[in-house]
Amino acid sequence: MNILAINASPRKNGNTAALLDKSLEGAASCGAKTQLINLYELKYKGCLSCFACKLKDGKSYGKCVVKDDLANVLEAAAAADAIVLGSPIYLHSPTSAARAFLERWVFPYLVYDKDHSSLFPRKIPVALIYTMNVTSEQFKVEYEPELKSIPIYIEKIFGSCETLVVNDTYQFDNYSKYVATLFDEKKKRMVRDTQFPKDCQQAFDMGVKLARRT
């Protein structure tokens, strides 16, 4: 089994990356082959609205025709037995790199029929990992409703989607260097030291679950 993790954070060693590493560690403990791709190392754009993926009898029907750095990632995603996508939340949304990837990954498989059928030839488990500064209470009220559409599309196309939300993350190495009076650094440090290890365990368990479902 092949488990693909996609890091849509600009930080290769930040909170999102740490959680993705744990998810792959969990998958590997079940014998899975794993791969991690950092989207911010690549040069690509979102959907160009060329509709080559929707062209009747077209050579690229159901596939993204654009040939850039994301093309190989889309091929890897098509061959994977499970996928976990991790992204911090910026302005109530996954990063621009995540959004562009989702446009190019999901849209070609989405059929313009009344049922919004899927062209993806099988069902695979997909997981999302979100990291953000806000508390879990703030997330449920202010953020969760805006993020509901993404797992709906993923479930429609690939069969299933589960989400791990990690809140109140520790963002800076030294809070005193930044204008960030909104946050209580001591509280952030406490959450990092007490809650984040539990979040990492949840990510590990998610990886185990993904591997066992393939």
N, C-alpha and C. Protein backbone atom coordinates (compact mmCIF):
# COMPACT_ATOMS: atom_id res chain seq x y z
N MET A 1 0.85 -1.19 0.00
CA MET A 1 0.00 0.00 0.00
C MET A 1 0.88 1.24 0.00
N ASN A 2 0.43 2.28 -0.67
CA ASN A 2 1.17 3.53 -0.78
C ASN A 2 0.35 4.67 -0.18
N ILE A 3 0.93 5.34 0.80
CA ILE A 3 0.27 6.46 1.45
C ILE A 3 1.01 7.74 1.09
N LEU A 4 0.29 8.70 0.54
CA LEU A 4 0.87 9.96 0.11
C LEU A 4 0.44 11.08 1.05
N ALA A 5 1.42 11.82 1.56
CA ALA A 5 1.15 13.00 2.39
C ALA A 5 1.56 14.24 1.61
N ILE A 6 0.73 15.26 1.67
CA ILE A 6 0.98 16.49 0.94
C ILE A 6 0.97 17.65 1.92
N ASN A 7 2.12 18.33 2.02
CA ASN A 7 2.26 19.45 2.93
C ASN A 7 2.00 20.75 2.19
N ALA A 8 0.90 21.42 2.53
CA ALA A 8 0.55 22.68 1.90
C ALA A 8 0.90 23.87 2.78
N SER A 9 1.86 23.67 3.66
CA SER A 9 2.37 24.76 4.49
C SER A 9 3.68 25.26 3.91
N PRO A 10 3.95 26.56 3.98
CA PRO A 10 5.25 27.06 3.52
C PRO A 10 6.39 26.64 4.42
N ARG A 11 6.07 26.14 5.60
CA ARG A 11 7.09 25.69 6.53
C ARG A 11 7.30 24.18 6.40
N LYS A 12 8.52 23.81 6.08
CA LYS A 12 8.83 22.38 5.91
C LYS A 12 9.04 21.69 7.25
N ASN A 13 9.22 22.46 8.31
CA ASN A 13 9.46 21.87 9.63
C ASN A 13 8.55 22.47 10.70
N GLY A 14 7.38 22.91 10.30
CA GLY A 14 6.45 23.51 11.23
C GLY A 14 5.47 22.52 11.82
N ASN A 15 4.40 23.04 12.40
CA ASN A 15 3.41 22.20 13.06
C ASN A 15 2.73 21.24 12.08
N THR A 16 2.34 21.76 10.92
CA THR A 16 1.66 20.93 9.92
C THR A 16 2.56 19.79 9.47
N ALA A 17 3.82 20.11 9.18
CA ALA A 17 4.78 19.09 8.74
C ALA A 17 4.99 18.03 9.82
N ALA A 18 5.05 18.45 11.07
CA ALA A 18 5.24 17.49 12.17
C ALA A 18 4.07 16.52 12.25
N LEU A 19 2.87 17.03 12.07
CA LEU A 19 1.69 16.17 12.12
C LEU A 19 1.64 15.21 10.93
N LEU A 20 2.02 15.70 9.75
CA LEU A 20 2.06 14.83 8.58
C LEU A 20 3.11 13.74 8.76
N ASP A 21 4.25 14.10 9.31
CA ASP A 21 5.29 13.10 9.58
C ASP A 21 4.75 12.01 10.51
N LYS A 22 4.00 12.42 11.51
CA LYS A 22 3.43 11.44 12.44
C LYS A 22 2.42 10.54 11.75
N SER A 23 1.62 11.11 10.86
CA SER A 23 0.64 10.29 10.15
C SER A 23 1.34 9.26 9.28
N LEU A 24 2.42 9.65 8.63
CA LEU A 24 3.18 8.70 7.81
C LEU A 24 3.88 7.67 8.68
N GLU A 25 4.33 8.09 9.85
CA GLU A 25 4.95 7.14 10.78
C GLU A 25 3.95 6.07 11.19
N GLY A 26 2.71 6.51 11.44
CA GLY A 26 1.66 5.55 11.78
C GLY A 26 1.37 4.60 10.65
N ALA A 27 1.30 5.14 9.42
CA ALA A 27 1.05 4.28 8.26
C ALA A 27 2.19 3.30 8.04
N ALA A 28 3.42 3.77 8.21
CA ALA A 28 4.59 2.91 8.02
C ALA A 28 4.63 1.79 9.04
N SER A 29 4.11 2.04 10.24
CA SER A 29 4.09 1.01 11.28
C SER A 29 3.19 -0.17 10.89
N CYS A 30 2.32 0.06 9.89
CA CYS A 30 1.44 -1.00 9.38
C CYS A 30 1.97 -1.58 8.08
N GLY A 31 3.19 -1.20 7.72
CA GLY A 31 3.81 -1.76 6.52
C GLY A 31 3.61 -0.95 5.26
N ALA A 32 3.04 0.23 5.36
CA ALA A 32 2.78 1.04 4.17
C ALA A 32 4.06 1.72 3.67
N LYS A 33 4.14 1.89 2.37
CA LYS A 33 5.17 2.74 1.78
C LYS A 33 4.65 4.17 1.82
N THR A 34 5.50 5.11 2.19
CA THR A 34 5.03 6.47 2.38
C THR A 34 5.85 7.47 1.56
N GLN A 35 5.22 8.58 1.23
CA GLN A 35 5.88 9.66 0.50
C GLN A 35 5.32 10.99 0.97
N LEU A 36 6.19 11.97 1.15
CA LEU A 36 5.78 13.31 1.55
C LEU A 36 6.19 14.30 0.46
N ILE A 37 5.24 15.14 0.05
CA ILE A 37 5.51 16.16 -0.95
C ILE A 37 5.22 17.53 -0.33
N ASN A 38 6.19 18.45 -0.47
CA ASN A 38 6.02 19.82 -0.01
C ASN A 38 5.62 20.70 -1.18
N LEU A 39 4.38 21.19 -1.17
CA LEU A 39 3.87 21.95 -2.31
C LEU A 39 4.62 23.26 -2.52
N TYR A 40 5.13 23.85 -1.45
CA TYR A 40 5.80 25.14 -1.62
C TYR A 40 7.18 25.03 -2.26
N GLU A 41 7.62 23.82 -2.53
CA GLU A 41 8.85 23.62 -3.28
C GLU A 41 8.59 23.63 -4.79
N LEU A 42 7.31 23.63 -5.17
CA LEU A 42 6.92 23.47 -6.57
C LEU A 42 6.41 24.78 -7.15
N LYS A 43 6.46 24.87 -8.48
CA LYS A 43 5.91 26.01 -9.19
C LYS A 43 4.69 25.54 -9.99
N TYR A 44 3.53 26.06 -9.63
CA TYR A 44 2.29 25.68 -10.31
C TYR A 44 1.21 26.69 -10.01
N LYS A 45 0.13 26.59 -10.73
CA LYS A 45 -1.04 27.44 -10.53
C LYS A 45 -2.27 26.58 -10.29
N GLY A 46 -3.35 27.24 -9.91
CA GLY A 46 -4.61 26.54 -9.77
C GLY A 46 -5.23 26.27 -11.13
N CYS A 47 -6.48 25.87 -11.12
CA CYS A 47 -7.21 25.57 -12.36
C CYS A 47 -7.19 26.76 -13.30
N LEU A 48 -6.90 26.51 -14.58
CA LEU A 48 -6.85 27.56 -15.60
C LEU A 48 -8.16 27.69 -16.37
N SER A 49 -9.15 26.89 -15.99
CA SER A 49 -10.47 26.93 -16.64
C SER A 49 -10.39 26.68 -18.14
N CYS A 50 -9.49 25.77 -18.53
CA CYS A 50 -9.37 25.43 -19.96
C CYS A 50 -10.40 24.37 -20.36
N PHE A 51 -10.92 23.64 -19.36
CA PHE A 51 -11.95 22.61 -19.56
C PHE A 51 -11.50 21.44 -20.44
N ALA A 52 -10.18 21.26 -20.59
CA ALA A 52 -9.70 20.09 -21.32
C ALA A 52 -10.13 18.81 -20.63
N CYS A 53 -10.28 18.86 -19.30
CA CYS A 53 -10.69 17.67 -18.54
C CYS A 53 -12.17 17.34 -18.75
N LYS A 54 -12.91 18.23 -19.38
CA LYS A 54 -14.35 18.01 -19.60
C LYS A 54 -14.69 17.82 -21.09
N LEU A 55 -13.69 17.83 -21.95
CA LEU A 55 -13.91 17.79 -23.39
C LEU A 55 -14.37 16.41 -23.84
N LYS A 56 -15.49 16.35 -24.56
CA LYS A 56 -16.02 15.07 -25.04
C LYS A 56 -14.99 14.36 -25.91
N ASP A 57 -14.74 13.10 -25.57
CA ASP A 57 -13.79 12.27 -26.32
C ASP A 57 -12.38 12.87 -26.34
N GLY A 58 -12.11 13.78 -25.43
CA GLY A 58 -10.78 14.41 -25.37
C GLY A 58 -9.74 13.48 -24.77
N LYS A 59 -8.50 13.66 -25.18
CA LYS A 59 -7.41 12.83 -24.65
C LYS A 59 -7.18 13.06 -23.16
N SER A 60 -7.56 14.23 -22.68
CA SER A 60 -7.36 14.56 -21.27
C SER A 60 -8.67 14.56 -20.48
N TYR A 61 -9.69 13.89 -21.01
CA TYR A 61 -10.96 13.82 -20.28
C TYR A 61 -10.73 13.18 -18.92
N GLY A 62 -11.13 13.88 -17.86
CA GLY A 62 -10.94 13.37 -16.51
C GLY A 62 -9.55 13.57 -15.94
N LYS A 63 -8.70 14.30 -16.67
CA LYS A 63 -7.33 14.55 -16.21
C LYS A 63 -6.97 16.01 -16.44
N CYS A 64 -6.13 16.53 -15.58
CA CYS A 64 -5.64 17.89 -15.76
C CYS A 64 -4.58 17.89 -16.84
N VAL A 65 -4.75 18.76 -17.83
CA VAL A 65 -3.86 18.79 -18.99
C VAL A 65 -2.62 19.65 -18.77
N VAL A 66 -2.61 20.47 -17.73
CA VAL A 66 -1.52 21.43 -17.52
C VAL A 66 -0.24 20.69 -17.12
N LYS A 67 0.84 21.01 -17.79
CA LYS A 67 2.13 20.37 -17.53
C LYS A 67 3.04 21.35 -16.78
N ASP A 68 3.03 21.25 -15.48
CA ASP A 68 3.91 22.05 -14.64
C ASP A 68 4.38 21.16 -13.49
N ASP A 69 4.92 21.76 -12.43
CA ASP A 69 5.47 20.95 -11.34
C ASP A 69 4.42 20.11 -10.62
N LEU A 70 3.15 20.48 -10.76
CA LEU A 70 2.10 19.73 -10.06
C LEU A 70 1.70 18.46 -10.81
N ALA A 71 2.07 18.34 -12.07
CA ALA A 71 1.66 17.20 -12.88
C ALA A 71 2.09 15.88 -12.25
N ASN A 72 3.34 15.81 -11.79
CA ASN A 72 3.83 14.58 -11.17
C ASN A 72 3.13 14.30 -9.84
N VAL A 73 2.77 15.35 -9.13
CA VAL A 73 2.05 15.18 -7.86
C VAL A 73 0.67 14.58 -8.13
N LEU A 74 0.01 15.06 -9.16
CA LEU A 74 -1.32 14.54 -9.51
C LEU A 74 -1.23 13.08 -9.94
N GLU A 75 -0.15 12.71 -10.62
CA GLU A 75 0.05 11.30 -10.98
C GLU A 75 0.26 10.45 -9.74
N ALA A 76 1.05 10.96 -8.79
CA ALA A 76 1.28 10.23 -7.54
C ALA A 76 -0.02 10.09 -6.75
N ALA A 77 -0.83 11.15 -6.75
CA ALA A 77 -2.11 11.10 -6.05
C ALA A 77 -3.06 10.09 -6.69
N ALA A 78 -3.02 10.00 -8.02
CA ALA A 78 -3.89 9.05 -8.73
C ALA A 78 -3.52 7.61 -8.42
N ALA A 79 -2.24 7.37 -8.12
CA ALA A 79 -1.76 6.01 -7.86
C ALA A 79 -1.79 5.64 -6.38
N ALA A 80 -1.98 6.61 -5.50
CA ALA A 80 -1.90 6.36 -4.07
C ALA A 80 -3.10 5.55 -3.57
N ASP A 81 -2.87 4.80 -2.49
CA ASP A 81 -3.94 4.04 -1.86
C ASP A 81 -4.65 4.84 -0.78
N ALA A 82 -4.01 5.91 -0.32
CA ALA A 82 -4.61 6.82 0.65
C ALA A 82 -3.82 8.12 0.60
N ILE A 83 -4.49 9.22 0.91
CA ILE A 83 -3.86 10.53 0.84
C ILE A 83 -4.21 11.32 2.09
N VAL A 84 -3.20 12.02 2.63
CA VAL A 84 -3.44 12.95 3.73
C VAL A 84 -2.87 14.31 3.32
N LEU A 85 -3.72 15.32 3.35
CA LEU A 85 -3.34 16.68 2.98
C LEU A 85 -3.33 17.54 4.23
N GLY A 86 -2.21 18.21 4.48
CA GLY A 86 -2.09 19.07 5.64
C GLY A 86 -1.92 20.52 5.24
N SER A 87 -2.63 21.41 5.93
CA SER A 87 -2.52 22.83 5.64
C SER A 87 -2.82 23.67 6.88
N PRO A 88 -2.05 24.73 7.09
CA PRO A 88 -2.49 25.72 8.06
C PRO A 88 -3.69 26.48 7.50
N ILE A 89 -4.40 27.15 8.36
CA ILE A 89 -5.56 27.93 7.94
C ILE A 89 -5.18 29.40 7.95
N TYR A 90 -5.26 30.02 6.77
CA TYR A 90 -5.00 31.44 6.60
C TYR A 90 -6.29 32.12 6.15
N LEU A 91 -6.70 33.17 6.86
CA LEU A 91 -7.91 33.91 6.48
C LEU A 91 -9.11 32.98 6.29
N HIS A 92 -9.28 32.08 7.25
CA HIS A 92 -10.42 31.16 7.29
C HIS A 92 -10.40 30.14 6.15
N SER A 93 -9.24 29.87 5.56
CA SER A 93 -9.17 28.96 4.42
C SER A 93 -7.82 28.25 4.42
N PRO A 94 -7.73 27.07 3.80
CA PRO A 94 -6.42 26.46 3.58
C PRO A 94 -5.54 27.41 2.76
N THR A 95 -4.26 27.17 2.76
CA THR A 95 -3.34 28.04 2.05
C THR A 95 -3.64 28.08 0.55
N SER A 96 -3.09 29.08 -0.11
CA SER A 96 -3.28 29.19 -1.55
C SER A 96 -2.71 27.98 -2.28
N ALA A 97 -1.62 27.43 -1.75
CA ALA A 97 -1.03 26.23 -2.36
C ALA A 97 -1.99 25.05 -2.24
N ALA A 98 -2.66 24.93 -1.10
CA ALA A 98 -3.64 23.86 -0.91
C ALA A 98 -4.83 24.04 -1.82
N ARG A 99 -5.34 25.27 -1.91
CA ARG A 99 -6.50 25.52 -2.75
C ARG A 99 -6.20 25.22 -4.22
N ALA A 100 -5.02 25.67 -4.68
CA ALA A 100 -4.65 25.42 -6.07
C ALA A 100 -4.52 23.92 -6.33
N PHE A 101 -3.93 23.19 -5.38
CA PHE A 101 -3.83 21.74 -5.52
C PHE A 101 -5.22 21.11 -5.58
N LEU A 102 -6.11 21.51 -4.70
CA LEU A 102 -7.45 20.93 -4.67
C LEU A 102 -8.19 21.18 -5.98
N GLU A 103 -8.04 22.37 -6.54
CA GLU A 103 -8.69 22.67 -7.82
C GLU A 103 -8.21 21.71 -8.91
N ARG A 104 -6.91 21.51 -8.97
CA ARG A 104 -6.33 20.68 -10.02
C ARG A 104 -6.52 19.19 -9.76
N TRP A 105 -6.68 18.80 -8.51
CA TRP A 105 -6.82 17.39 -8.13
C TRP A 105 -8.27 16.94 -8.22
N VAL A 106 -9.19 17.72 -7.68
CA VAL A 106 -10.58 17.31 -7.56
C VAL A 106 -11.39 17.58 -8.83
N PHE A 107 -11.25 18.77 -9.40
CA PHE A 107 -12.13 19.19 -10.49
C PHE A 107 -12.11 18.28 -11.71
N PRO A 108 -10.97 17.77 -12.17
CA PRO A 108 -11.00 16.91 -13.36
C PRO A 108 -11.84 15.64 -13.19
N TYR A 109 -11.96 15.16 -11.95
CA TYR A 109 -12.74 13.94 -11.71
C TYR A 109 -14.23 14.23 -11.53
N LEU A 110 -14.59 15.49 -11.39
CA LEU A 110 -15.98 15.87 -11.13
C LEU A 110 -16.74 16.00 -12.44
N VAL A 111 -17.77 15.19 -12.59
CA VAL A 111 -18.56 15.20 -13.83
C VAL A 111 -19.65 16.27 -13.72
N TYR A 112 -19.83 17.00 -14.81
CA TYR A 112 -20.90 17.98 -14.88
C TYR A 112 -22.22 17.30 -15.24
N ASP A 113 -22.71 16.46 -14.33
CA ASP A 113 -24.04 15.88 -14.50
C ASP A 113 -24.85 16.17 -13.24
N LYS A 114 -26.11 15.78 -13.24
CA LYS A 114 -26.98 16.16 -12.13
C LYS A 114 -26.56 15.53 -10.81
N ASP A 115 -25.83 14.40 -10.89
CA ASP A 115 -25.40 13.73 -9.67
C ASP A 115 -23.99 14.12 -9.24
N HIS A 116 -23.34 14.99 -10.04
CA HIS A 116 -21.94 15.32 -9.77
C HIS A 116 -21.13 14.04 -9.58
N SER A 117 -21.24 13.17 -10.57
CA SER A 117 -20.57 11.86 -10.52
C SER A 117 -19.05 12.01 -10.47
N SER A 118 -18.40 10.92 -10.13
CA SER A 118 -16.94 10.91 -10.03
C SER A 118 -16.34 10.03 -11.12
N LEU A 119 -15.28 10.52 -11.73
CA LEU A 119 -14.53 9.75 -12.72
C LEU A 119 -13.37 8.99 -12.09
N PHE A 120 -13.11 9.23 -10.81
CA PHE A 120 -12.03 8.50 -10.16
C PHE A 120 -12.41 7.02 -10.11
N PRO A 121 -11.54 6.13 -10.55
CA PRO A 121 -11.94 4.74 -10.79
C PRO A 121 -12.11 3.87 -9.56
N ARG A 122 -11.79 4.37 -8.39
CA ARG A 122 -11.92 3.55 -7.18
C ARG A 122 -12.17 4.44 -5.98
N LYS A 123 -12.33 3.82 -4.83
CA LYS A 123 -12.53 4.55 -3.60
C LYS A 123 -11.26 4.46 -2.75
N ILE A 124 -10.79 5.60 -2.26
CA ILE A 124 -9.63 5.62 -1.37
C ILE A 124 -9.93 6.51 -0.18
N PRO A 125 -9.33 6.21 0.97
CA PRO A 125 -9.51 7.09 2.13
C PRO A 125 -8.64 8.33 1.99
N VAL A 126 -9.22 9.47 2.32
CA VAL A 126 -8.51 10.74 2.30
C VAL A 126 -8.66 11.39 3.67
N ALA A 127 -7.60 12.05 4.12
CA ALA A 127 -7.64 12.74 5.41
C ALA A 127 -7.11 14.16 5.25
N LEU A 128 -7.66 15.06 6.03
CA LEU A 128 -7.22 16.45 6.08
C LEU A 128 -6.69 16.75 7.47
N ILE A 129 -5.57 17.46 7.53
CA ILE A 129 -5.05 17.96 8.79
C ILE A 129 -4.97 19.47 8.70
N TYR A 130 -5.68 20.16 9.58
CA TYR A 130 -5.65 21.61 9.62
C TYR A 130 -4.97 22.08 10.90
N THR A 131 -4.12 23.09 10.78
CA THR A 131 -3.52 23.72 11.94
C THR A 131 -3.88 25.20 11.93
N MET A 132 -4.05 25.76 13.15
CA MET A 132 -4.43 27.18 13.22
C MET A 132 -4.19 27.73 14.62
N ASN A 133 -4.12 29.06 14.70
CA ASN A 133 -3.85 29.74 15.97
C ASN A 133 -5.06 29.78 16.89
N VAL A 134 -6.26 29.76 16.34
CA VAL A 134 -7.45 29.99 17.15
C VAL A 134 -7.77 28.78 18.03
N THR A 135 -8.56 29.02 19.05
CA THR A 135 -8.97 27.96 19.95
C THR A 135 -10.00 27.05 19.29
N SER A 136 -10.22 25.91 19.88
CA SER A 136 -11.21 24.98 19.33
C SER A 136 -12.61 25.59 19.38
N GLU A 137 -12.88 26.40 20.40
CA GLU A 137 -14.19 27.05 20.49
C GLU A 137 -14.39 28.04 19.35
N GLN A 138 -13.34 28.84 19.08
CA GLN A 138 -13.41 29.78 17.97
C GLN A 138 -13.56 29.05 16.63
N PHE A 139 -12.85 27.94 16.49
CA PHE A 139 -12.93 27.19 15.25
C PHE A 139 -14.35 26.73 14.97
N LYS A 140 -15.00 26.17 15.96
CA LYS A 140 -16.34 25.62 15.77
C LYS A 140 -17.34 26.70 15.36
N VAL A 141 -17.18 27.89 15.91
CA VAL A 141 -18.13 28.97 15.63
C VAL A 141 -17.79 29.72 14.35
N GLU A 142 -16.51 30.05 14.16
CA GLU A 142 -16.12 30.97 13.09
C GLU A 142 -15.55 30.30 11.85
N TYR A 143 -14.94 29.13 12.00
CA TYR A 143 -14.19 28.53 10.90
C TYR A 143 -14.83 27.27 10.32
N GLU A 144 -15.34 26.42 11.18
CA GLU A 144 -15.86 25.13 10.73
C GLU A 144 -16.90 25.24 9.62
N PRO A 145 -17.87 26.16 9.73
CA PRO A 145 -18.87 26.25 8.66
C PRO A 145 -18.26 26.59 7.29
N GLU A 146 -17.19 27.40 7.28
CA GLU A 146 -16.59 27.80 6.02
C GLU A 146 -15.75 26.70 5.39
N LEU A 147 -15.37 25.70 6.16
CA LEU A 147 -14.49 24.64 5.66
C LEU A 147 -15.25 23.36 5.32
N LYS A 148 -16.57 23.37 5.44
CA LYS A 148 -17.35 22.15 5.24
C LYS A 148 -17.36 21.67 3.79
N SER A 149 -17.25 22.58 2.84
CA SER A 149 -17.40 22.19 1.44
C SER A 149 -16.25 21.29 0.96
N ILE A 150 -15.06 21.47 1.50
CA ILE A 150 -13.91 20.70 1.02
C ILE A 150 -14.09 19.20 1.26
N PRO A 151 -14.37 18.75 2.49
CA PRO A 151 -14.59 17.31 2.66
C PRO A 151 -15.80 16.77 1.91
N ILE A 152 -16.78 17.62 1.66
CA ILE A 152 -17.94 17.17 0.88
C ILE A 152 -17.51 16.81 -0.53
N TYR A 153 -16.72 17.67 -1.16
CA TYR A 153 -16.22 17.38 -2.51
C TYR A 153 -15.33 16.15 -2.51
N ILE A 154 -14.46 16.05 -1.51
CA ILE A 154 -13.53 14.92 -1.46
C ILE A 154 -14.29 13.60 -1.29
N GLU A 155 -15.27 13.60 -0.41
CA GLU A 155 -16.08 12.40 -0.22
C GLU A 155 -16.81 12.02 -1.50
N LYS A 156 -17.30 13.01 -2.21
CA LYS A 156 -18.04 12.77 -3.46
C LYS A 156 -17.14 12.12 -4.50
N ILE A 157 -15.90 12.58 -4.58
CA ILE A 157 -15.01 12.11 -5.63
C ILE A 157 -14.27 10.83 -5.23
N PHE A 158 -13.77 10.77 -3.99
CA PHE A 158 -12.87 9.68 -3.61
C PHE A 158 -13.49 8.68 -2.63
N GLY A 159 -14.63 9.01 -2.05
CA GLY A 159 -15.33 8.03 -1.22
C GLY A 159 -15.42 8.35 0.24
N SER A 160 -14.36 8.92 0.82
CA SER A 160 -14.40 9.23 2.25
C SER A 160 -13.39 10.32 2.58
N CYS A 161 -13.65 11.01 3.68
CA CYS A 161 -12.73 12.05 4.13
C CYS A 161 -12.90 12.26 5.63
N GLU A 162 -11.80 12.24 6.35
CA GLU A 162 -11.84 12.57 7.77
C GLU A 162 -10.90 13.74 8.02
N THR A 163 -11.16 14.49 9.08
CA THR A 163 -10.41 15.72 9.34
C THR A 163 -9.89 15.74 10.77
N LEU A 164 -8.64 16.12 10.90
CA LEU A 164 -8.02 16.37 12.21
C LEU A 164 -7.73 17.86 12.29
N VAL A 165 -8.33 18.52 13.27
CA VAL A 165 -8.14 19.95 13.46
C VAL A 165 -7.27 20.18 14.70
N VAL A 166 -6.17 20.87 14.52
CA VAL A 166 -5.23 21.15 15.61
C VAL A 166 -5.24 22.65 15.87
N ASN A 167 -5.71 23.02 17.04
CA ASN A 167 -5.92 24.43 17.38
C ASN A 167 -4.85 24.99 18.32
N ASP A 168 -4.86 26.31 18.42
CA ASP A 168 -4.03 27.03 19.39
C ASP A 168 -2.56 26.70 19.25
N THR A 169 -2.09 26.64 18.02
CA THR A 169 -0.71 26.22 17.77
C THR A 169 0.29 27.29 18.17
N TYR A 170 1.50 26.84 18.43
CA TYR A 170 2.62 27.72 18.80
C TYR A 170 3.30 28.15 17.51
N GLN A 171 3.21 29.43 17.18
CA GLN A 171 3.57 29.90 15.85
C GLN A 171 5.00 30.39 15.72
N PHE A 172 5.50 31.11 16.73
CA PHE A 172 6.82 31.74 16.64
C PHE A 172 7.81 31.04 17.56
N ASP A 173 9.09 31.08 17.17
CA ASP A 173 10.13 30.57 18.06
C ASP A 173 10.30 31.49 19.26
N ASN A 174 10.10 32.78 19.05
CA ASN A 174 10.25 33.77 20.13
C ASN A 174 9.18 34.84 19.94
N TYR A 175 8.13 34.77 20.73
CA TYR A 175 7.00 35.68 20.58
C TYR A 175 7.38 37.13 20.84
N SER A 176 8.43 37.37 21.64
CA SER A 176 8.82 38.73 21.99
C SER A 176 9.33 39.52 20.79
N LYS A 177 9.70 38.83 19.72
CA LYS A 177 10.23 39.50 18.53
C LYS A 177 9.13 40.00 17.59
N TYR A 178 7.90 39.63 17.84
CA TYR A 178 6.82 39.91 16.90
C TYR A 178 5.69 40.70 17.55
N VAL A 179 4.98 41.45 16.75
CA VAL A 179 3.77 42.12 17.21
C VAL A 179 2.64 41.10 17.17
N ALA A 180 2.35 40.52 18.31
CA ALA A 180 1.34 39.46 18.40
C ALA A 180 0.66 39.51 19.76
N THR A 181 0.20 40.70 20.13
CA THR A 181 -0.40 40.88 21.44
C THR A 181 -1.75 40.17 21.58
N LEU A 182 -2.27 39.69 20.46
CA LEU A 182 -3.53 38.94 20.51
C LEU A 182 -3.37 37.64 21.29
N PHE A 183 -2.15 37.11 21.33
CA PHE A 183 -1.92 35.78 21.90
C PHE A 183 -1.19 35.86 23.24
N ASP A 184 -1.54 34.94 24.10
CA ASP A 184 -0.86 34.77 25.39
C ASP A 184 0.23 33.72 25.20
N GLU A 185 1.50 34.17 25.15
CA GLU A 185 2.60 33.26 24.84
C GLU A 185 2.70 32.14 25.87
N LYS A 186 2.47 32.42 27.13
CA LYS A 186 2.56 31.39 28.16
C LYS A 186 1.50 30.31 27.94
N LYS A 187 0.30 30.75 27.58
CA LYS A 187 -0.76 29.78 27.30
C LYS A 187 -0.42 28.97 26.06
N LYS A 188 0.12 29.65 25.04
CA LYS A 188 0.52 28.95 23.82
C LYS A 188 1.57 27.89 24.12
N ARG A 189 2.53 28.24 24.95
CA ARG A 189 3.59 27.30 25.30
C ARG A 189 3.02 26.10 26.06
N MET A 190 2.06 26.36 26.94
CA MET A 190 1.44 25.28 27.70
C MET A 190 0.70 24.33 26.75
N VAL A 191 -0.03 24.90 25.78
CA VAL A 191 -0.74 24.06 24.82
C VAL A 191 0.26 23.25 23.99
N ARG A 192 1.35 23.88 23.59
CA ARG A 192 2.38 23.17 22.82
C ARG A 192 2.95 22.00 23.62
N ASP A 193 3.18 22.21 24.88
CA ASP A 193 3.82 21.19 25.71
C ASP A 193 2.86 20.10 26.16
N THR A 194 1.57 20.42 26.30
CA THR A 194 0.63 19.43 26.84
C THR A 194 -0.32 18.86 25.79
N GLN A 195 -0.83 19.73 24.88
CA GLN A 195 -1.83 19.27 23.91
C GLN A 195 -1.21 18.79 22.61
N PHE A 196 -0.17 19.48 22.12
CA PHE A 196 0.36 19.13 20.81
C PHE A 196 0.87 17.69 20.74
N PRO A 197 1.50 17.16 21.80
CA PRO A 197 1.87 15.73 21.74
C PRO A 197 0.65 14.83 21.55
N LYS A 198 -0.49 15.20 22.14
CA LYS A 198 -1.72 14.42 21.95
C LYS A 198 -2.19 14.54 20.50
N ASP A 199 -2.06 15.74 19.93
CA ASP A 199 -2.43 15.94 18.53
C ASP A 199 -1.56 15.07 17.62
N CYS A 200 -0.27 15.00 17.95
CA CYS A 200 0.66 14.17 17.17
C CYS A 200 0.26 12.69 17.26
N GLN A 201 -0.19 12.28 18.43
CA GLN A 201 -0.65 10.90 18.58
C GLN A 201 -1.89 10.64 17.75
N GLN A 202 -2.77 11.64 17.69
CA GLN A 202 -3.97 11.50 16.84
C GLN A 202 -3.58 11.39 15.37
N ALA A 203 -2.57 12.15 14.97
CA ALA A 203 -2.10 12.06 13.59
C ALA A 203 -1.50 10.69 13.31
N PHE A 204 -0.74 10.16 14.26
CA PHE A 204 -0.18 8.81 14.14
C PHE A 204 -1.30 7.79 13.97
N ASP A 205 -2.30 7.89 14.84
CA ASP A 205 -3.44 6.97 14.79
C ASP A 205 -4.20 7.11 13.46
N MET A 206 -4.27 8.33 12.94
CA MET A 206 -4.91 8.55 11.64
C MET A 206 -4.16 7.80 10.55
N GLY A 207 -2.82 7.85 10.61
CA GLY A 207 -2.01 7.12 9.64
C GLY A 207 -2.23 5.63 9.71
N VAL A 208 -2.32 5.11 10.92
CA VAL A 208 -2.61 3.69 11.11
C VAL A 208 -3.96 3.33 10.49
N LYS A 209 -4.95 4.18 10.75
CA LYS A 209 -6.30 3.93 10.23
C LYS A 209 -6.32 3.95 8.71
N LEU A 210 -5.62 4.92 8.13
CA LEU A 210 -5.57 5.00 6.67
C LEU A 210 -4.95 3.75 6.07
N ALA A 211 -3.85 3.31 6.66
CA ALA A 211 -3.16 2.12 6.14
C ALA A 211 -4.03 0.88 6.26
N ARG A 212 -4.76 0.76 7.35
CA ARG A 212 -5.59 -0.43 7.56
C ARG A 212 -6.83 -0.44 6.68
N ARG A 213 -7.20 0.73 6.17
CA ARG A 213 -8.39 0.80 5.32
C ARG A 213 -8.08 0.53 3.86
N THR A 214 -6.80 0.50 3.50
CA THR A 214 -6.45 0.31 2.10
C THR A 214 -6.46 -1.17 1.73
